[in-house]
Amino acid sequence: MKIAFVFPGQGSQSIGMMGGFGAHPVVRQTFEEASSVLGEDLWALAERGPEEALALTTNTQPLMLAADVAVWRAWCETSALRPTLVAGHSLGEYAALVAAGALTLADAVPLVRFRAQAMQEAVPEGVGAMAAILGLDDAQVTALCAAQSAPDGMVEAVNFNSPGQVVVAGHKGAVEQLMAAAKEAGAKRAVLLPVSAPFHSSLLATAATRLAERLREVPFRAPDIALIHNVDVREHDTPDAIRQALAMQAARPVRWTQTLQEMQARGVTHIIECGPGKVLAALTKRATEGITSLTLTDSEAIGKAQEALAGAA
């Protein structure tokens, strides 16, 4: 048995998402720690919303960081089992770094708030867009993007989430044209996503530059657990290399399918989604074969996952 933990990012948030963790006081304590750093009540936001506030990227990013780390701590309090590998989807990479001991939560919270602001400010609201393309392979979507893009209307493949699921981003008009072209090419669906910026596209180059400058001020250390980064599907064990990977990630694609397949190539048998929701578990099932996928959506799920691993050991 070889375990990997993966941490979700934006898109997994929902009102009441932490309500099932009452058996783990450390969850609330982690939110209190993150809230004190920001001077905002993240627990109230998670419990009551409103939805519009929950969806703002400047709120979502620190909120999901707190949620992922809280679930990780709940696991660590109740199980001696630790993963051999960790990774996080986009924003989730920051929670993975905290779990791996490379970054403290106190440093991570203001960092992801800055990241969110830099990404939002890079492109005026309404100028950019993102869409999920379902039913075409990576090469087809990449080729369609190349055919549709122009200097004044750019669209790129930015999230390779699983076979047959690719997210594109760019100028809104170009994204909409790409959606139409994808449907003509045989895509099952092309869905505009409810986001406020074209994340992970080259339109966020200024955000990547700003983030690189901010990262120089943040202390990192070598991770205690091997961590596979989104941007290049590689491990980095020096602070400067970690900073560079995080800065590049803001304006480059998330290579999630390759990340999961790299875990499988390294002999991982169980991938555990550490955070609210089941988004990454679904992607794991589509991108790998024979790997057991588990989720930690509440206290009961944590107990069941621990029982499943005990039985597989």
C-alpha atoms as a PDB file:
ATOM      1  CA  MET A   1       0.000   0.000   0.000  1.00  0.00           C
ATOM      2  CA  LYS A   2       1.311   3.438  -0.988  1.00  0.00           C
ATOM      3  CA  ILE A   3      -0.759   6.525  -0.155  1.00  0.00           C
ATOM      4  CA  ALA A   4      -0.960   9.957  -1.792  1.00  0.00           C
ATOM      5  CA  PHE A   5      -2.973  12.920  -0.540  1.00  0.00           C
ATOM      6  CA  VAL A   6      -4.363  15.494  -2.970  1.00  0.00           C
ATOM      7  CA  PHE A   7      -5.774  18.884  -1.979  1.00  0.00           C
ATOM      8  CA  PRO A   8      -8.622  20.594  -3.871  1.00  0.00           C
ATOM      9  CA  GLY A   9      -8.680  24.245  -4.901  1.00  0.00           C
ATOM     10  CA  GLN A  10     -11.298  26.682  -6.133  1.00  0.00           C
ATOM     11  CA  GLY A  11     -14.558  25.076  -7.172  1.00  0.00           C
ATOM     12  CA  SER A  12     -14.863  22.752  -4.170  1.00  0.00           C
ATOM     13  CA  GLN A  13     -16.266  25.400  -1.834  1.00  0.00           C
ATOM     14  CA  SER A  14     -19.898  25.382  -0.712  1.00  0.00           C
ATOM     15  CA  ILE A  15     -21.917  26.876   2.129  1.00  0.00           C
ATOM     16  CA  GLY A  16     -21.861  24.522   5.114  1.00  0.00           C
ATOM     17  CA  MET A  17     -18.945  22.508   3.738  1.00  0.00           C
ATOM     18  CA  MET A  18     -17.282  22.133   7.159  1.00  0.00           C
ATOM     19  CA  GLY A  19     -20.446  21.276   9.071  1.00  0.00           C
ATOM     20  CA  GLY A  20     -19.697  17.551   9.271  1.00  0.00           C
ATOM     21  CA  PHE A  21     -16.423  17.866  11.172  1.00  0.00           C
ATOM     22  CA  GLY A  22     -17.847  18.412  14.663  1.00  0.00           C
ATOM     23  CA  ALA A  23     -15.962  15.378  15.976  1.00  0.00           C
ATOM     24  CA  HIS A  24     -12.669  17.111  15.181  1.00  0.00           C
ATOM     25  CA  PRO A  25     -12.210  20.355  17.179  1.00  0.00           C
ATOM     26  CA  VAL A  26      -8.919  20.973  15.344  1.00  0.00           C
ATOM     27  CA  VAL A  27     -10.950  21.874  12.246  1.00  0.00           C
ATOM     28  CA  ARG A  28     -12.552  24.875  13.928  1.00  0.00           C
ATOM     29  CA  GLN A  29      -9.236  25.740  15.577  1.00  0.00           C
ATOM     30  CA  THR A  30      -7.512  25.816  12.190  1.00  0.00           C
ATOM     31  CA  PHE A  31     -10.145  28.212  10.863  1.00  0.00           C
ATOM     32  CA  GLU A  32      -9.649  30.408  13.904  1.00  0.00           C
ATOM     33  CA  GLU A  33      -5.899  30.474  13.239  1.00  0.00           C
ATOM     34  CA  ALA A  34      -6.390  31.433   9.591  1.00  0.00           C
ATOM     35  CA  SER A  35      -9.060  33.998  10.481  1.00  0.00           C
ATOM     36  CA  SER A  36      -6.809  35.690  13.016  1.00  0.00           C
ATOM     37  CA  VAL A  37      -4.126  36.141  10.363  1.00  0.00           C
ATOM     38  CA  LEU A  38      -6.558  37.834   7.960  1.00  0.00           C
ATOM     39  CA  GLY A  39      -8.676  39.608  10.560  1.00  0.00           C
ATOM     40  CA  GLU A  40     -11.778  38.044   9.001  1.00  0.00           C
ATOM     41  CA  ASP A  41     -14.157  35.296  10.134  1.00  0.00           C
ATOM     42  CA  LEU A  42     -13.581  32.524   7.598  1.00  0.00           C
ATOM     43  CA  TRP A  43     -15.661  30.060   9.611  1.00  0.00           C
ATOM     44  CA  ALA A  44     -18.743  32.284   9.362  1.00  0.00           C
ATOM     45  CA  LEU A  45     -18.182  32.583   5.608  1.00  0.00           C
ATOM     46  CA  ALA A  46     -17.914  28.806   5.231  1.00  0.00           C
ATOM     47  CA  GLU A  47     -20.984  28.177   7.374  1.00  0.00           C
ATOM     48  CA  ARG A  48     -23.331  30.921   6.195  1.00  0.00           C
ATOM     49  CA  GLY A  49     -21.982  32.506   3.040  1.00  0.00           C
ATOM     50  CA  PRO A  50     -23.517  34.383   1.333  1.00  0.00           C
ATOM     51  CA  GLU A  51     -22.875  32.569  -1.936  1.00  0.00           C
ATOM     52  CA  GLU A  52     -21.660  35.723  -3.716  1.00  0.00           C
ATOM     53  CA  ALA A  53     -19.001  36.292  -1.038  1.00  0.00           C
ATOM     54  CA  LEU A  54     -18.008  32.633  -1.086  1.00  0.00           C
ATOM     55  CA  ALA A  55     -17.447  32.799  -4.851  1.00  0.00           C
ATOM     56  CA  LEU A  56     -15.139  35.846  -4.779  1.00  0.00           C
ATOM     57  CA  THR A  57     -11.669  34.541  -5.555  1.00  0.00           C
ATOM     58  CA  THR A  58     -10.124  36.785  -2.899  1.00  0.00           C
ATOM     59  CA  ASN A  59     -12.311  34.984  -0.334  1.00  0.00           C
ATOM     60  CA  THR A  60     -12.319  31.532  -1.891  1.00  0.00           C
ATOM     61  CA  GLN A  61      -8.561  31.087  -1.955  1.00  0.00           C
ATOM     62  CA  PRO A  62      -7.848  31.633   1.777  1.00  0.00           C
ATOM     63  CA  LEU A  63     -11.082  29.841   2.662  1.00  0.00           C
ATOM     64  CA  MET A  64     -10.180  26.689   0.730  1.00  0.00           C
ATOM     65  CA  LEU A  65      -6.641  26.786   2.081  1.00  0.00           C
ATOM     66  CA  ALA A  66      -8.007  26.809   5.633  1.00  0.00           C
ATOM     67  CA  ALA A  67     -10.455  24.022   4.815  1.00  0.00           C
ATOM     68  CA  ASP A  68      -7.835  21.743   3.260  1.00  0.00           C
ATOM     69  CA  VAL A  69      -5.337  22.245   6.078  1.00  0.00           C
ATOM     70  CA  ALA A  70      -8.073  21.744   8.690  1.00  0.00           C
ATOM     71  CA  VAL A  71      -9.004  18.366   7.204  1.00  0.00           C
ATOM     72  CA  TRP A  72      -5.328  17.395   7.023  1.00  0.00           C
ATOM     73  CA  ARG A  73      -4.887  18.196  10.705  1.00  0.00           C
ATOM     74  CA  ALA A  74      -8.020  16.211  11.571  1.00  0.00           C
ATOM     75  CA  TRP A  75      -6.495  13.240   9.768  1.00  0.00           C
ATOM     76  CA  CYS A  76      -3.134  13.622  11.499  1.00  0.00           C
ATOM     77  CA  GLU A  77      -4.765  13.786  14.940  1.00  0.00           C
ATOM     78  CA  THR A  78      -6.547  10.493  14.450  1.00  0.00           C
ATOM     79  CA  SER A  79      -4.218   8.406  12.267  1.00  0.00           C
ATOM     80  CA  ALA A  80      -0.511   7.634  12.187  1.00  0.00           C
ATOM     81  CA  LEU A  81      -0.689   6.900   8.449  1.00  0.00           C
ATOM     82  CA  ARG A  82       1.091   9.488   6.320  1.00  0.00           C
ATOM     83  CA  PRO A  83       1.256   9.831   2.546  1.00  0.00           C
ATOM     84  CA  THR A  84       4.339   9.139   0.477  1.00  0.00           C
ATOM     85  CA  LEU A  85       3.337  11.827  -2.009  1.00  0.00           C
ATOM     86  CA  VAL A  86       1.175  14.961  -1.955  1.00  0.00           C
ATOM     87  CA  ALA A  87      -0.101  17.354  -4.604  1.00  0.00           C
ATOM     88  CA  GLY A  88      -2.711  20.079  -4.834  1.00  0.00           C
ATOM     89  CA  HIS A  89      -4.878  21.219  -7.717  1.00  0.00           C
ATOM     90  CA  SER A  90      -3.961  24.847  -8.480  1.00  0.00           C
ATOM     91  CA  LEU A  91      -4.630  26.695  -5.201  1.00  0.00           C
ATOM     92  CA  GLY A  92      -4.583  23.313  -3.440  1.00  0.00           C
ATOM     93  CA  GLU A  93      -0.822  23.190  -3.989  1.00  0.00           C
ATOM     94  CA  TYR A  94      -0.433  25.705  -1.149  1.00  0.00           C
ATOM     95  CA  ALA A  95      -2.291  23.396   1.234  1.00  0.00           C
ATOM     96  CA  ALA A  96      -0.079  20.535   0.043  1.00  0.00           C
ATOM     97  CA  LEU A  97       2.986  22.626   0.891  1.00  0.00           C
ATOM     98  CA  VAL A  98       1.617  23.251   4.393  1.00  0.00           C
ATOM     99  CA  ALA A  99       0.911  19.538   4.841  1.00  0.00           C
ATOM    100  CA  ALA A 100       4.428  18.712   3.654  1.00  0.00           C
ATOM    101  CA  GLY A 101       5.972  21.114   6.164  1.00  0.00           C
ATOM    102  CA  ALA A 102       7.415  23.424   3.498  1.00  0.00           C
ATOM    103  CA  LEU A 103       5.198  26.396   4.433  1.00  0.00           C
ATOM    104  CA  THR A 104       3.368  27.432   7.600  1.00  0.00           C
ATOM    105  CA  LEU A 105      -0.348  28.159   7.583  1.00  0.00           C
ATOM    106  CA  ALA A 106       0.347  31.619   9.050  1.00  0.00           C
ATOM    107  CA  ASP A 107       2.534  32.451   6.037  1.00  0.00           C
ATOM    108  CA  ALA A 108       0.308  30.691   3.515  1.00  0.00           C
ATOM    109  CA  VAL A 109      -2.944  32.533   4.337  1.00  0.00           C
ATOM    110  CA  PRO A 110      -1.810  36.083   3.449  1.00  0.00           C
ATOM    111  CA  LEU A 111       0.154  34.672   0.513  1.00  0.00           C
ATOM    112  CA  VAL A 112      -2.907  33.109  -1.123  1.00  0.00           C
ATOM    113  CA  ARG A 113      -4.926  36.262  -0.461  1.00  0.00           C
ATOM    114  CA  PHE A 114      -2.225  38.209  -2.334  1.00  0.00           C
ATOM    115  CA  ARG A 115      -2.238  35.566  -5.099  1.00  0.00           C
ATOM    116  CA  ALA A 116      -5.997  35.928  -5.482  1.00  0.00           C
ATOM    117  CA  GLN A 117      -5.796  39.710  -5.674  1.00  0.00           C
ATOM    118  CA  ALA A 118      -2.959  39.622  -8.198  1.00  0.00           C
ATOM    119  CA  MET A 119      -4.817  37.153 -10.405  1.00  0.00           C
ATOM    120  CA  GLN A 120      -8.054  39.126 -10.240  1.00  0.00           C
ATOM    121  CA  GLU A 121      -6.355  42.448 -10.992  1.00  0.00           C
ATOM    122  CA  ALA A 122      -4.369  41.089 -13.952  1.00  0.00           C
ATOM    123  CA  VAL A 123      -7.426  41.090 -16.223  1.00  0.00           C
ATOM    124  CA  PRO A 124     -10.416  43.459 -15.807  1.00  0.00           C
ATOM    125  CA  GLU A 125     -13.604  41.644 -14.839  1.00  0.00           C
ATOM    126  CA  GLY A 126     -15.641  40.716 -17.893  1.00  0.00           C
ATOM    127  CA  VAL A 127     -12.642  40.659 -20.251  1.00  0.00           C
ATOM    128  CA  GLY A 128     -11.585  37.076 -19.574  1.00  0.00           C
ATOM    129  CA  ALA A 129     -13.437  33.769 -19.262  1.00  0.00           C
ATOM    130  CA  MET A 130     -12.948  30.056 -18.724  1.00  0.00           C
ATOM    131  CA  ALA A 131     -14.831  27.049 -20.093  1.00  0.00           C
ATOM    132  CA  ALA A 132     -14.751  23.294 -19.547  1.00  0.00           C
ATOM    133  CA  ILE A 133     -14.562  21.174 -22.700  1.00  0.00           C
ATOM    134  CA  LEU A 134     -15.801  17.615 -22.214  1.00  0.00           C
ATOM    135  CA  GLY A 135     -15.359  14.740 -24.636  1.00  0.00           C
ATOM    136  CA  LEU A 136     -12.290  15.818 -26.616  1.00  0.00           C
ATOM    137  CA  ASP A 137      -8.727  14.739 -25.897  1.00  0.00           C
ATOM    138  CA  ASP A 138      -5.919  17.074 -24.874  1.00  0.00           C
ATOM    139  CA  ALA A 139      -4.431  17.279 -28.364  1.00  0.00           C
ATOM    140  CA  GLN A 140      -7.772  18.155 -29.971  1.00  0.00           C
ATOM    141  CA  VAL A 141      -8.458  20.979 -27.511  1.00  0.00           C
ATOM    142  CA  THR A 142      -4.905  22.311 -27.809  1.00  0.00           C
ATOM    143  CA  ALA A 143      -5.178  22.325 -31.608  1.00  0.00           C
ATOM    144  CA  LEU A 144      -8.542  24.106 -31.500  1.00  0.00           C
ATOM    145  CA  CYS A 145      -7.073  26.760 -29.209  1.00  0.00           C
ATOM    146  CA  ALA A 146      -4.169  27.315 -31.585  1.00  0.00           C
ATOM    147  CA  ALA A 147      -6.588  27.706 -34.504  1.00  0.00           C
ATOM    148  CA  GLN A 148      -8.886  30.113 -32.649  1.00  0.00           C
ATOM    149  CA  SER A 149      -6.299  32.330 -30.945  1.00  0.00           C
ATOM    150  CA  ALA A 150      -5.272  35.762 -32.170  1.00  0.00           C
ATOM    151  CA  PRO A 151      -3.300  38.576 -30.499  1.00  0.00           C
ATOM    152  CA  ASP A 152      -6.519  40.398 -29.625  1.00  0.00           C
ATOM    153  CA  GLY A 153      -8.459  37.228 -28.818  1.00  0.00           C
ATOM    154  CA  MET A 154      -6.397  34.617 -27.044  1.00  0.00           C
ATOM    155  CA  VAL A 155      -7.622  31.234 -25.781  1.00  0.00           C
ATOM    156  CA  GLU A 156      -5.468  28.462 -24.283  1.00  0.00           C
ATOM    157  CA  ALA A 157      -5.869  25.060 -22.668  1.00  0.00           C
ATOM    158  CA  VAL A 158      -5.112  25.716 -19.002  1.00  0.00           C
ATOM    159  CA  ASN A 159      -6.346  22.757 -16.911  1.00  0.00           C
ATOM    160  CA  PHE A 160      -5.701  19.220 -18.104  1.00  0.00           C
ATOM    161  CA  ASN A 161      -7.947  17.698 -15.457  1.00  0.00           C
ATOM    162  CA  SER A 162      -8.551  14.174 -16.735  1.00  0.00           C
ATOM    163  CA  PRO A 163      -8.829  12.385 -20.073  1.00  0.00           C
ATOM    164  CA  GLY A 164     -11.715  14.059 -21.864  1.00  0.00           C
ATOM    165  CA  GLN A 165     -11.901  17.055 -19.542  1.00  0.00           C
ATOM    166  CA  VAL A 166      -9.872  20.144 -20.421  1.00  0.00           C
ATOM    167  CA  VAL A 167     -10.484  23.704 -19.249  1.00  0.00           C
ATOM    168  CA  VAL A 168      -9.672  26.613 -21.539  1.00  0.00           C
ATOM    169  CA  ALA A 169      -9.177  30.277 -20.666  1.00  0.00           C
ATOM    170  CA  GLY A 170      -8.542  33.573 -22.393  1.00  0.00           C
ATOM    171  CA  HIS A 171     -10.402  36.555 -23.784  1.00  0.00           C
ATOM    172  CA  LYS A 172     -14.145  36.046 -23.385  1.00  0.00           C
ATOM    173  CA  GLY A 173     -14.993  36.270 -27.084  1.00  0.00           C
ATOM    174  CA  ALA A 174     -12.258  33.819 -28.031  1.00  0.00           C
ATOM    175  CA  VAL A 175     -13.390  31.387 -25.330  1.00  0.00           C
ATOM    176  CA  GLU A 176     -16.957  31.518 -26.646  1.00  0.00           C
ATOM    177  CA  GLN A 177     -15.730  30.906 -30.201  1.00  0.00           C
ATOM    178  CA  LEU A 178     -13.645  27.992 -28.951  1.00  0.00           C
ATOM    179  CA  MET A 179     -16.714  26.507 -27.264  1.00  0.00           C
ATOM    180  CA  ALA A 180     -18.624  26.593 -30.551  1.00  0.00           C
ATOM    181  CA  ALA A 181     -15.681  25.070 -32.430  1.00  0.00           C
ATOM    182  CA  ALA A 182     -15.356  22.334 -29.811  1.00  0.00           C
ATOM    183  CA  LYS A 183     -19.000  21.372 -30.196  1.00  0.00           C
ATOM    184  CA  GLU A 184     -18.557  21.214 -33.976  1.00  0.00           C
ATOM    185  CA  ALA A 185     -15.528  18.962 -33.418  1.00  0.00           C
ATOM    186  CA  GLY A 186     -17.618  16.512 -31.390  1.00  0.00           C
ATOM    187  CA  ALA A 187     -17.302  17.703 -27.802  1.00  0.00           C
ATOM    188  CA  LYS A 188     -20.032  16.311 -25.559  1.00  0.00           C
ATOM    189  CA  ARG A 189     -20.304  19.595 -23.676  1.00  0.00           C
ATOM    190  CA  ALA A 190     -18.703  23.018 -23.578  1.00  0.00           C
ATOM    191  CA  VAL A 191     -19.588  24.859 -20.376  1.00  0.00           C
ATOM    192  CA  LEU A 192     -18.720  28.431 -19.433  1.00  0.00           C
ATOM    193  CA  LEU A 193     -17.401  28.459 -15.853  1.00  0.00           C
ATOM    194  CA  PRO A 194     -18.562  30.951 -13.198  1.00  0.00           C
ATOM    195  CA  VAL A 195     -15.140  32.484 -12.534  1.00  0.00           C
ATOM    196  CA  SER A 196     -13.938  36.068 -12.488  1.00  0.00           C
ATOM    197  CA  ALA A 197     -10.616  35.745 -14.336  1.00  0.00           C
ATOM    198  CA  PRO A 198      -8.896  33.528 -16.953  1.00  0.00           C
ATOM    199  CA  PHE A 199      -6.820  31.616 -14.396  1.00  0.00           C
ATOM    200  CA  HIS A 200      -3.611  29.865 -15.472  1.00  0.00           C
ATOM    201  CA  SER A 201      -3.569  31.525 -18.887  1.00  0.00           C
ATOM    202  CA  SER A 202      -0.779  33.736 -20.228  1.00  0.00           C
ATOM    203  CA  LEU A 203      -3.094  36.709 -19.674  1.00  0.00           C
ATOM    204  CA  LEU A 204      -2.077  36.401 -16.032  1.00  0.00           C
ATOM    205  CA  ALA A 205       1.616  37.004 -16.752  1.00  0.00           C
ATOM    206  CA  THR A 206       1.575  40.213 -14.697  1.00  0.00           C
ATOM    207  CA  ALA A 207       0.080  38.277 -11.774  1.00  0.00           C
ATOM    208  CA  ALA A 208       2.876  35.710 -12.038  1.00  0.00           C
ATOM    209  CA  THR A 209       5.455  38.510 -11.927  1.00  0.00           C
ATOM    210  CA  ARG A 210       3.837  40.116  -8.886  1.00  0.00           C
ATOM    211  CA  LEU A 211       3.557  36.748  -7.165  1.00  0.00           C
ATOM    212  CA  ALA A 212       7.233  35.993  -7.815  1.00  0.00           C
ATOM    213  CA  GLU A 213       8.167  39.228  -6.056  1.00  0.00           C
ATOM    214  CA  ARG A 214       5.888  38.455  -3.105  1.00  0.00           C
ATOM    215  CA  LEU A 215       7.191  34.902  -2.815  1.00  0.00           C
ATOM    216  CA  ARG A 216      10.710  36.183  -2.205  1.00  0.00           C
ATOM    217  CA  GLU A 217       9.460  37.526   1.134  1.00  0.00           C
ATOM    218  CA  VAL A 218       7.948  34.209   2.270  1.00  0.00           C
ATOM    219  CA  PRO A 219      10.024  31.609   4.154  1.00  0.00           C
ATOM    220  CA  PHE A 220       9.976  28.109   2.702  1.00  0.00           C
ATOM    221  CA  ARG A 221      11.831  24.957   3.669  1.00  0.00           C
ATOM    222  CA  ALA A 222      12.403  21.606   2.007  1.00  0.00           C
ATOM    223  CA  PRO A 223       9.217  19.506   2.218  1.00  0.00           C
ATOM    224  CA  ASP A 224       9.087  16.510   4.558  1.00  0.00           C
ATOM    225  CA  ILE A 225       6.816  14.687   2.082  1.00  0.00           C
ATOM    226  CA  ALA A 226       7.521  14.471  -1.644  1.00  0.00           C
ATOM    227  CA  LEU A 227       5.322  17.012  -3.452  1.00  0.00           C
ATOM    228  CA  ILE A 228       4.563  16.964  -7.171  1.00  0.00           C
ATOM    229  CA  HIS A 229       4.027  20.463  -8.571  1.00  0.00           C
ATOM    230  CA  ASN A 230       1.279  21.263 -11.100  1.00  0.00           C
ATOM    231  CA  VAL A 231       3.339  23.297 -13.488  1.00  0.00           C
ATOM    232  CA  ASP A 232       6.008  20.749 -14.417  1.00  0.00           C
ATOM    233  CA  VAL A 233       4.960  17.476 -12.703  1.00  0.00           C
ATOM    234  CA  ARG A 234       8.234  17.476 -10.780  1.00  0.00           C
ATOM    235  CA  GLU A 235       9.421  17.600  -7.184  1.00  0.00           C
ATOM    236  CA  HIS A 236      11.299  20.653  -5.909  1.00  0.00           C
ATOM    237  CA  ASP A 237      13.150  20.525  -2.620  1.00  0.00           C
ATOM    238  CA  THR A 238      14.782  23.947  -2.332  1.00  0.00           C
ATOM    239  CA  PRO A 239      12.978  27.162  -1.339  1.00  0.00           C
ATOM    240  CA  ASP A 240      13.952  28.993  -4.537  1.00  0.00           C
ATOM    241  CA  ALA A 241      12.758  26.155  -6.768  1.00  0.00           C
ATOM    242  CA  ILE A 242       9.446  26.002  -4.894  1.00  0.00           C
ATOM    243  CA  ARG A 243       9.002  29.768  -5.268  1.00  0.00           C
ATOM    244  CA  GLN A 244       9.670  29.555  -9.001  1.00  0.00           C
ATOM    245  CA  ALA A 245       7.176  26.709  -9.478  1.00  0.00           C
ATOM    246  CA  LEU A 246       4.462  28.603  -7.589  1.00  0.00           C
ATOM    247  CA  ALA A 247       5.031  31.814  -9.543  1.00  0.00           C
ATOM    248  CA  MET A 248       4.933  30.043 -12.905  1.00  0.00           C
ATOM    249  CA  GLN A 249       1.800  28.134 -11.911  1.00  0.00           C
ATOM    250  CA  ALA A 250      -0.297  31.325 -11.884  1.00  0.00           C
ATOM    251  CA  ALA A 251       0.027  31.824 -15.651  1.00  0.00           C
ATOM    252  CA  ARG A 252       0.662  28.286 -16.902  1.00  0.00           C
ATOM    253  CA  PRO A 253      -1.512  25.173 -17.235  1.00  0.00           C
ATOM    254  CA  VAL A 254      -2.369  22.822 -14.380  1.00  0.00           C
ATOM    255  CA  ARG A 255      -1.173  19.403 -15.549  1.00  0.00           C
ATOM    256  CA  TRP A 256      -3.384  17.390 -13.249  1.00  0.00           C
ATOM    257  CA  THR A 257      -3.853  14.295 -15.414  1.00  0.00           C
ATOM    258  CA  GLN A 258      -0.080  13.916 -15.639  1.00  0.00           C
ATOM    259  CA  THR A 259       0.251  14.497 -11.896  1.00  0.00           C
ATOM    260  CA  LEU A 260      -2.135  11.643 -11.117  1.00  0.00           C
ATOM    261  CA  GLN A 261      -0.491   9.386 -13.687  1.00  0.00           C
ATOM    262  CA  GLU A 262       2.929  10.194 -12.212  1.00  0.00           C
ATOM    263  CA  MET A 263       1.616   9.068  -8.835  1.00  0.00           C
ATOM    264  CA  GLN A 264       0.438   5.821 -10.365  1.00  0.00           C
ATOM    265  CA  ALA A 265       3.811   5.324 -12.074  1.00  0.00           C
ATOM    266  CA  ARG A 266       5.460   5.667  -8.665  1.00  0.00           C
ATOM    267  CA  GLY A 267       3.365   2.848  -7.273  1.00  0.00           C
ATOM    268  CA  VAL A 268       0.632   4.763  -5.463  1.00  0.00           C
ATOM    269  CA  THR A 269      -2.284   2.477  -4.615  1.00  0.00           C
ATOM    270  CA  HIS A 270      -4.584   4.901  -2.740  1.00  0.00           C
ATOM    271  CA  ILE A 271      -5.253   8.588  -3.462  1.00  0.00           C
ATOM    272  CA  ILE A 272      -7.076  10.491  -0.742  1.00  0.00           C
ATOM    273  CA  GLU A 273      -8.792  13.812  -1.425  1.00  0.00           C
ATOM    274  CA  CYS A 274      -8.083  15.967   1.629  1.00  0.00           C
ATOM    275  CA  GLY A 275     -10.666  18.728   1.767  1.00  0.00           C
ATOM    276  CA  PRO A 276     -14.354  19.402   1.204  1.00  0.00           C
ATOM    277  CA  GLY A 277     -16.026  17.967  -1.869  1.00  0.00           C
ATOM    278  CA  LYS A 278     -15.284  15.078  -4.222  1.00  0.00           C
ATOM    279  CA  VAL A 279     -14.036  16.879  -7.338  1.00  0.00           C
ATOM    280  CA  LEU A 280     -10.540  15.388  -7.317  1.00  0.00           C
ATOM    281  CA  ALA A 281     -11.787  11.888  -6.488  1.00  0.00           C
ATOM    282  CA  ALA A 282     -13.823  11.905  -9.687  1.00  0.00           C
ATOM    283  CA  LEU A 283     -10.796  13.050 -11.699  1.00  0.00           C
ATOM    284  CA  THR A 284      -8.663  10.319 -10.114  1.00  0.00           C
ATOM    285  CA  LYS A 285     -11.074   7.637 -11.271  1.00  0.00           C
ATOM    286  CA  ARG A 286     -10.978   8.947 -14.846  1.00  0.00           C
ATOM    287  CA  ALA A 287      -7.213   9.474 -15.041  1.00  0.00           C
ATOM    288  CA  THR A 288      -5.930   6.288 -13.381  1.00  0.00           C
ATOM    289  CA  GLU A 289      -6.613   2.568 -13.356  1.00  0.00           C
ATOM    290  CA  GLY A 290      -6.715   0.341 -10.308  1.00  0.00           C
ATOM    291  CA  ILE A 291      -6.121   3.101  -7.769  1.00  0.00           C
ATOM    292  CA  THR A 292      -8.478   3.306  -4.795  1.00  0.00           C
ATOM    293  CA  SER A 293      -9.878   6.834  -4.433  1.00  0.00           C
ATOM    294  CA  LEU A 294     -11.067   8.008  -1.014  1.00  0.00           C
ATOM    295  CA  THR A 295     -12.548  11.303   0.223  1.00  0.00           C
ATOM    296  CA  LEU A 296     -12.508  13.065   3.598  1.00  0.00           C
ATOM    297  CA  THR A 297     -15.697  15.120   3.345  1.00  0.00           C
ATOM    298  CA  ASP A 298     -16.638  14.873   7.053  1.00  0.00           C
ATOM    299  CA  SER A 299     -15.684  13.119  10.294  1.00  0.00           C
ATOM    300  CA  GLU A 300     -17.493   9.949   9.292  1.00  0.00           C
ATOM    301  CA  ALA A 301     -15.641   9.824   5.964  1.00  0.00           C
ATOM    302  CA  ILE A 302     -12.315  10.202   7.777  1.00  0.00           C
ATOM    303  CA  GLY A 303     -13.166   7.192   9.925  1.00  0.00           C
ATOM    304  CA  LYS A 304     -14.237   5.108   6.929  1.00  0.00           C
ATOM    305  CA  ALA A 305     -11.078   6.005   5.019  1.00  0.00           C
ATOM    306  CA  GLN A 306      -8.927   4.954   7.958  1.00  0.00           C
ATOM    307  CA  GLU A 307     -10.799   1.669   8.202  1.00  0.00           C
ATOM    308  CA  ALA A 308     -10.372   1.055   4.466  1.00  0.00           C
ATOM    309  CA  LEU A 309      -6.627   1.676   4.671  1.00  0.00           C
ATOM    310  CA  ALA A 310      -6.281  -0.541   7.745  1.00  0.00           C
ATOM    311  CA  GLY A 311      -7.986  -3.323   5.837  1.00  0.00           C
ATOM    312  CA  ALA A 312      -5.733  -2.858   2.824  1.00  0.00           C
ATOM    313  CA  ALA A 313      -2.459  -2.761   4.772  1.00  0.00           C
END
